[in-house]
Amino acid sequence: AVLYPEAFPDARGPEHVAAGALAALAAE
């Protein structure tokens, strides 16, 4: 979304994945 604002004007974070979120989702 950040790289192509003309296509995706409502860009939100986070920009990159974080392993902490990946682990929390897996644990859940």
PDB file of all heavy atoms in Angstrom:
ATOM      1  N   ALA A   1       0.830  -1.210   0.000  1.00  0.00           N
ATOM      2  CA  ALA A   1       0.000   0.000   0.000  1.00  0.00           C
ATOM      3  C   ALA A   1       0.857   1.250   0.000  1.00  0.00           C
ATOM      4  O   ALA A   1       0.536   2.245  -0.664  1.00  0.00           O
ATOM      5  CB  ALA A   1      -0.925  -0.008   1.204  1.00  0.00           C
ATOM      6  N   VAL A   2       1.969   1.211   0.721  1.00  0.00           N
ATOM      7  CA  VAL A   2       2.867   2.365   0.800  1.00  0.00           C
ATOM      8  C   VAL A   2       3.538   2.617  -0.544  1.00  0.00           C
ATOM      9  O   VAL A   2       3.701   3.765  -0.979  1.00  0.00           O
ATOM     10  CB  VAL A   2       3.922   2.141   1.899  1.00  0.00           C
ATOM     11  CG1 VAL A   2       4.946   3.266   1.909  1.00  0.00           C
ATOM     12  CG2 VAL A   2       3.259   2.007   3.263  1.00  0.00           C
ATOM     13  N   LEU A   3       3.895   1.541  -1.244  1.00  0.00           N
ATOM     14  CA  LEU A   3       4.596   1.675  -2.521  1.00  0.00           C
ATOM     15  C   LEU A   3       3.698   2.161  -3.645  1.00  0.00           C
ATOM     16  O   LEU A   3       4.173   2.775  -4.605  1.00  0.00           O
ATOM     17  CB  LEU A   3       5.207   0.323  -2.918  1.00  0.00           C
ATOM     18  CG  LEU A   3       6.379  -0.170  -2.082  1.00  0.00           C
ATOM     19  CD1 LEU A   3       6.768  -1.584  -2.508  1.00  0.00           C
ATOM     20  CD2 LEU A   3       7.576   0.767  -2.244  1.00  0.00           C
ATOM     21  N   TYR A   4       2.396   1.891  -3.552  1.00  0.00           N
ATOM     22  CA  TYR A   4       1.484   2.235  -4.640  1.00  0.00           C
ATOM     23  C   TYR A   4       0.287   3.031  -4.109  1.00  0.00           C
ATOM     24  O   TYR A   4      -0.854   2.564  -4.144  1.00  0.00           O
ATOM     25  CB  TYR A   4       1.014   0.963  -5.355  1.00  0.00           C
ATOM     26  CG  TYR A   4       2.161   0.138  -5.900  1.00  0.00           C
ATOM     27  CD1 TYR A   4       2.616  -0.988  -5.202  1.00  0.00           C
ATOM     28  CD2 TYR A   4       2.810   0.496  -7.073  1.00  0.00           C
ATOM     29  CE1 TYR A   4       3.683  -1.734  -5.693  1.00  0.00           C
ATOM     30  CE2 TYR A   4       3.871  -0.240  -7.560  1.00  0.00           C
ATOM     31  CZ  TYR A   4       4.307  -1.353  -6.866  1.00  0.00           C
ATOM     32  OH  TYR A   4       5.362  -2.093  -7.347  1.00  0.00           O
ATOM     33  N   PRO A   5       0.541   4.252  -3.646  1.00  0.00           N
ATOM     34  CA  PRO A   5      -0.537   5.058  -3.045  1.00  0.00           C
ATOM     35  C   PRO A   5      -1.632   5.430  -4.030  1.00  0.00           C
ATOM     36  O   PRO A   5      -2.771   5.688  -3.623  1.00  0.00           O
ATOM     37  CB  PRO A   5       0.199   6.292  -2.518  1.00  0.00           C
ATOM     38  CG  PRO A   5       1.442   6.380  -3.358  1.00  0.00           C
ATOM     39  CD  PRO A   5       1.835   4.966  -3.623  1.00  0.00           C
ATOM     40  N   GLU A   6      -1.302   5.477  -5.325  1.00  0.00           N
ATOM     41  CA  GLU A   6      -2.335   5.819  -6.295  1.00  0.00           C
ATOM     42  C   GLU A   6      -3.394   4.718  -6.395  1.00  0.00           C
ATOM     43  O   GLU A   6      -4.562   4.986  -6.681  1.00  0.00           O
ATOM     44  CB  GLU A   6      -1.712   6.070  -7.682  1.00  0.00           C
ATOM     45  CG  GLU A   6      -1.109   4.863  -8.383  1.00  0.00           C
ATOM     46  CD  GLU A   6       0.231   4.412  -7.800  1.00  0.00           C
ATOM     47  OE1 GLU A   6       0.792   5.119  -6.949  1.00  0.00           O
ATOM     48  OE2 GLU A   6       0.722   3.344  -8.242  1.00  0.00           O
ATOM     49  N   ALA A   7      -2.991   3.482  -6.137  1.00  0.00           N
ATOM     50  CA  ALA A   7      -3.932   2.361  -6.166  1.00  0.00           C
ATOM     51  C   ALA A   7      -4.560   2.117  -4.800  1.00  0.00           C
ATOM     52  O   ALA A   7      -5.710   1.675  -4.707  1.00  0.00           O
ATOM     53  CB  ALA A   7      -3.232   1.091  -6.655  1.00  0.00           C
ATOM     54  N   PHE A   8      -3.780   2.390  -3.732  1.00  0.00           N
ATOM     55  CA  PHE A   8      -4.236   2.117  -2.370  1.00  0.00           C
ATOM     56  C   PHE A   8      -4.073   3.377  -1.523  1.00  0.00           C
ATOM     57  O   PHE A   8      -3.104   3.510  -0.766  1.00  0.00           O
ATOM     58  CB  PHE A   8      -3.441   0.963  -1.761  1.00  0.00           C
ATOM     59  CG  PHE A   8      -3.291  -0.231  -2.668  1.00  0.00           C
ATOM     60  CD1 PHE A   8      -2.022  -0.664  -3.061  1.00  0.00           C
ATOM     61  CD2 PHE A   8      -4.400  -0.925  -3.131  1.00  0.00           C
ATOM     62  CE1 PHE A   8      -1.872  -1.770  -3.886  1.00  0.00           C
ATOM     63  CE2 PHE A   8      -4.261  -2.020  -3.965  1.00  0.00           C
ATOM     64  CZ  PHE A   8      -2.991  -2.445  -4.349  1.00  0.00           C
ATOM     65  N   PRO A   9      -4.992   4.325  -1.642  1.00  0.00           N
ATOM     66  CA  PRO A   9      -4.822   5.612  -0.956  1.00  0.00           C
ATOM     67  C   PRO A   9      -4.949   5.548   0.564  1.00  0.00           C
ATOM     68  O   PRO A   9      -4.458   6.437   1.255  1.00  0.00           O
ATOM     69  CB  PRO A   9      -5.938   6.469  -1.563  1.00  0.00           C
ATOM     70  CG  PRO A   9      -6.963   5.497  -2.046  1.00  0.00           C
ATOM     71  CD  PRO A   9      -6.200   4.296  -2.491  1.00  0.00           C
ATOM     72  N   ASP A  10      -5.590   4.503   1.078  1.00  0.00           N
ATOM     73  CA  ASP A  10      -5.761   4.404   2.538  1.00  0.00           C
ATOM     74  C   ASP A  10      -4.792   3.366   3.099  1.00  0.00           C
ATOM     75  O   ASP A  10      -5.175   2.287   3.546  1.00  0.00           O
ATOM     76  CB  ASP A  10      -7.213   4.023   2.865  1.00  0.00           C
ATOM     77  CG  ASP A  10      -7.518   4.139   4.359  1.00  0.00           C
ATOM     78  OD1 ASP A  10      -6.619   4.550   5.120  1.00  0.00           O
ATOM     79  OD2 ASP A  10      -8.650   3.802   4.752  1.00  0.00           O
ATOM     80  N   ALA A  11      -3.511   3.697   3.071  1.00  0.00           N
ATOM     81  CA  ALA A  11      -2.478   2.777   3.556  1.00  0.00           C
ATOM     82  C   ALA A  11      -2.436   2.785   5.078  1.00  0.00           C
ATOM     83  O   ALA A  11      -2.522   3.844   5.708  1.00  0.00           O
ATOM     84  CB  ALA A  11      -1.119   3.171   2.996  1.00  0.00           C
ATOM     85  N   ARG A  12      -2.302   1.596   5.655  1.00  0.00           N
ATOM     86  CA  ARG A  12      -2.235   1.460   7.108  1.00  0.00           C
ATOM     87  C   ARG A  12      -1.026   0.621   7.509  1.00  0.00           C
ATOM     88  O   ARG A  12      -0.499  -0.157   6.725  1.00  0.00           O
ATOM     89  CB  ARG A  12      -3.501   0.781   7.634  1.00  0.00           C
ATOM     90  CG  ARG A  12      -4.795   1.476   7.252  1.00  0.00           C
ATOM     91  CD  ARG A  12      -5.004   2.788   7.979  1.00  0.00           C
ATOM     92  NE  ARG A  12      -6.300   3.370   7.622  1.00  0.00           N
ATOM     93  CZ  ARG A  12      -7.399   3.197   8.343  1.00  0.00           C
ATOM     94  NH1 ARG A  12      -7.364   2.467   9.454  1.00  0.00           N
ATOM     95  NH2 ARG A  12      -8.539   3.758   7.967  1.00  0.00           N
ATOM     96  N   GLY A  13      -0.603   0.767   8.762  1.00  0.00           N
ATOM     97  CA  GLY A  13       0.476  -0.041   9.292  1.00  0.00           C
ATOM     98  C   GLY A  13      -0.056  -1.309   9.932  1.00  0.00           C
ATOM     99  O   GLY A  13      -1.271  -1.438  10.130  1.00  0.00           O
ATOM    100  N   PRO A  14       0.861  -2.223  10.238  1.00  0.00           N
ATOM    101  CA  PRO A  14       2.312  -2.132  10.044  1.00  0.00           C
ATOM    102  C   PRO A  14       2.714  -2.344   8.586  1.00  0.00           C
ATOM    103  O   PRO A  14       1.993  -2.970   7.816  1.00  0.00           O
ATOM    104  CB  PRO A  14       2.844  -3.261  10.926  1.00  0.00           C
ATOM    105  CG  PRO A  14       1.737  -4.270  10.930  1.00  0.00           C
ATOM    106  CD  PRO A  14       0.465  -3.482  10.904  1.00  0.00           C
ATOM    107  N   GLU A  15       3.890  -1.827   8.250  1.00  0.00           N
ATOM    108  CA  GLU A  15       4.384  -1.964   6.882  1.00  0.00           C
ATOM    109  C   GLU A  15       4.943  -3.353   6.635  1.00  0.00           C
ATOM    110  O   GLU A  15       4.793  -3.906   5.550  1.00  0.00           O
ATOM    111  CB  GLU A  15       5.454  -0.902   6.624  1.00  0.00           C
ATOM    112  CG  GLU A  15       5.915  -0.834   5.178  1.00  0.00           C
ATOM    113  CD  GLU A  15       6.809   0.367   4.912  1.00  0.00           C
ATOM    114  OE1 GLU A  15       6.765   1.340   5.692  1.00  0.00           O
ATOM    115  OE2 GLU A  15       7.552   0.336   3.909  1.00  0.00           O
ATOM    116  N   HIS A  16       5.629  -3.916   7.646  1.00  0.00           N
ATOM    117  CA  HIS A  16       6.246  -5.236   7.517  1.00  0.00           C
ATOM    118  C   HIS A  16       5.725  -6.174   8.603  1.00  0.00           C
ATOM    119  O   HIS A  16       5.312  -5.734   9.680  1.00  0.00           O
ATOM    120  CB  HIS A  16       7.771  -5.143   7.621  1.00  0.00           C
ATOM    121  CG  HIS A  16       8.387  -4.304   6.541  1.00  0.00           C
ATOM    122  ND1 HIS A  16       8.434  -4.697   5.221  1.00  0.00           N
ATOM    123  CD2 HIS A  16       8.980  -3.085   6.597  1.00  0.00           C
ATOM    124  CE1 HIS A  16       9.033  -3.768   4.497  1.00  0.00           C
ATOM    125  NE2 HIS A  16       9.373  -2.779   5.310  1.00  0.00           N
ATOM    126  N   VAL A  17       5.797  -7.455   8.312  1.00  0.00           N
ATOM    127  CA  VAL A  17       5.357  -8.459   9.281  1.00  0.00           C
ATOM    128  C   VAL A  17       6.335  -8.522  10.454  1.00  0.00           C
ATOM    129  O   VAL A  17       7.535  -8.253  10.287  1.00  0.00           O
ATOM    130  CB  VAL A  17       5.242  -9.840   8.606  1.00  0.00           C
ATOM    131  CG1 VAL A  17       6.612 -10.385   8.217  1.00  0.00           C
ATOM    132  CG2 VAL A  17       4.499 -10.836   9.495  1.00  0.00           C
ATOM    133  N   ALA A  18       5.817  -8.840  11.632  1.00  0.00           N
ATOM    134  CA  ALA A  18       6.638  -9.049  12.821  1.00  0.00           C
ATOM    135  C   ALA A  18       6.408 -10.465  13.321  1.00  0.00           C
ATOM    136  O   ALA A  18       5.270 -10.937  13.389  1.00  0.00           O
ATOM    137  CB  ALA A  18       6.279  -8.045  13.917  1.00  0.00           C
ATOM    138  N   ALA A  19       7.497 -11.158  13.654  1.00  0.00           N
ATOM    139  CA  ALA A  19       7.390 -12.552  14.092  1.00  0.00           C
ATOM    140  C   ALA A  19       6.557 -12.681  15.368  1.00  0.00           C
ATOM    141  O   ALA A  19       5.927 -13.704  15.593  1.00  0.00           O
ATOM    142  CB  ALA A  19       8.782 -13.139  14.306  1.00  0.00           C
ATOM    143  N   GLY A  20       6.559 -11.642  16.194  1.00  0.00           N
ATOM    144  CA  GLY A  20       5.761 -11.692  17.411  1.00  0.00           C
ATOM    145  C   GLY A  20       4.284 -11.860  17.102  1.00  0.00           C
ATOM    146  O   GLY A  20       3.578 -12.634  17.765  1.00  0.00           O
ATOM    147  N   ALA A  21       3.781 -11.146  16.094  1.00  0.00           N
ATOM    148  CA  ALA A  21       2.377 -11.273  15.694  1.00  0.00           C
ATOM    149  C   ALA A  21       2.115 -12.642  15.096  1.00  0.00           C
ATOM    150  O   ALA A  21       1.075 -13.261  15.332  1.00  0.00           O
ATOM    151  CB  ALA A  21       2.015 -10.174  14.700  1.00  0.00           C
ATOM    152  N   LEU A  22       3.069 -13.124  14.312  1.00  0.00           N
ATOM    153  CA  LEU A  22       2.935 -14.447  13.696  1.00  0.00           C
ATOM    154  C   LEU A  22       2.852 -15.524  14.782  1.00  0.00           C
ATOM    155  O   LEU A  22       2.013 -16.431  14.718  1.00  0.00           O
ATOM    156  CB  LEU A  22       4.149 -14.708  12.799  1.00  0.00           C
ATOM    157  CG  LEU A  22       3.972 -15.619  11.598  1.00  0.00           C
ATOM    158  CD1 LEU A  22       3.106 -14.964  10.535  1.00  0.00           C
ATOM    159  CD2 LEU A  22       5.339 -15.960  11.010  1.00  0.00           C
ATOM    160  N   ALA A  23       3.709 -15.414  15.789  1.00  0.00           N
ATOM    161  CA  ALA A  23       3.721 -16.397  16.876  1.00  0.00           C
ATOM    162  C   ALA A  23       2.447 -16.315  17.708  1.00  0.00           C
ATOM    163  O   ALA A  23       1.875 -17.336  18.096  1.00  0.00           O
ATOM    164  CB  ALA A  23       4.936 -16.161  17.768  1.00  0.00           C
ATOM    165  N   ALA A  24       1.989 -15.099  17.997  1.00  0.00           N
ATOM    166  CA  ALA A  24       0.771 -14.930  18.785  1.00  0.00           C
ATOM    167  C   ALA A  24      -0.442 -15.509  18.063  1.00  0.00           C
ATOM    168  O   ALA A  24      -1.297 -16.162  18.678  1.00  0.00           O
ATOM    169  CB  ALA A  24       0.556 -13.450  19.098  1.00  0.00           C
ATOM    170  N   LEU A  25      -0.517 -15.282  16.751  1.00  0.00           N
ATOM    171  CA  LEU A  25      -1.618 -15.832  15.965  1.00  0.00           C
ATOM    172  C   LEU A  25      -1.569 -17.359  15.963  1.00  0.00           C
ATOM    173  O   LEU A  25      -2.597 -18.032  16.127  1.00  0.00           O
ATOM    174  CB  LEU A  25      -1.558 -15.299  14.539  1.00  0.00           C
ATOM    175  CG  LEU A  25      -2.596 -15.843  13.555  1.00  0.00           C
ATOM    176  CD1 LEU A  25      -4.013 -15.575  14.048  1.00  0.00           C
ATOM    177  CD2 LEU A  25      -2.383 -15.242  12.167  1.00  0.00           C
ATOM    178  N   ALA A  26      -0.360 -17.910  15.786  1.00  0.00           N
ATOM    179  CA  ALA A  26      -0.215 -19.364  15.788  1.00  0.00           C
ATOM    180  C   ALA A  26      -0.600 -19.957  17.140  1.00  0.00           C
ATOM    181  O   ALA A  26      -1.294 -20.973  17.206  1.00  0.00           O
ATOM    182  CB  ALA A  26       1.231 -19.740  15.440  1.00  0.00           C
ATOM    183  N   ALA A  27      -0.156 -19.322  18.220  1.00  0.00           N
ATOM    184  CA  ALA A  27      -0.482 -19.813  19.563  1.00  0.00           C
ATOM    185  C   ALA A  27      -1.986 -19.781  19.799  1.00  0.00           C
ATOM    186  O   ALA A  27      -2.556 -20.707  20.385  1.00  0.00           O
ATOM    187  CB  ALA A  27       0.239 -18.968  20.615  1.00  0.00           C
ATOM    188  N   GLU A  28      -2.633 -18.733  19.316  1.00  0.00           N
ATOM    189  CA  GLU A  28      -4.086 -18.609  19.470  1.00  0.00           C
ATOM    190  C   GLU A  28      -4.807 -19.716  18.706  1.00  0.00           C
ATOM    191  O   GLU A  28      -5.748 -20.331  19.216  1.00  0.00           O
ATOM    192  CB  GLU A  28      -4.518 -17.234  18.966  1.00  0.00           C
ATOM    193  CG  GLU A  28      -5.973 -16.917  19.171  1.00  0.00           C
ATOM    194  CD  GLU A  28      -6.318 -15.522  18.701  1.00  0.00           C
ATOM    195  OE1 GLU A  28      -5.825 -14.548  19.325  1.00  0.00           O
ATOM    196  OE2 GLU A  28      -7.060 -15.379  17.710  1.00  0.00           O
TER     197      GLU A  28
END
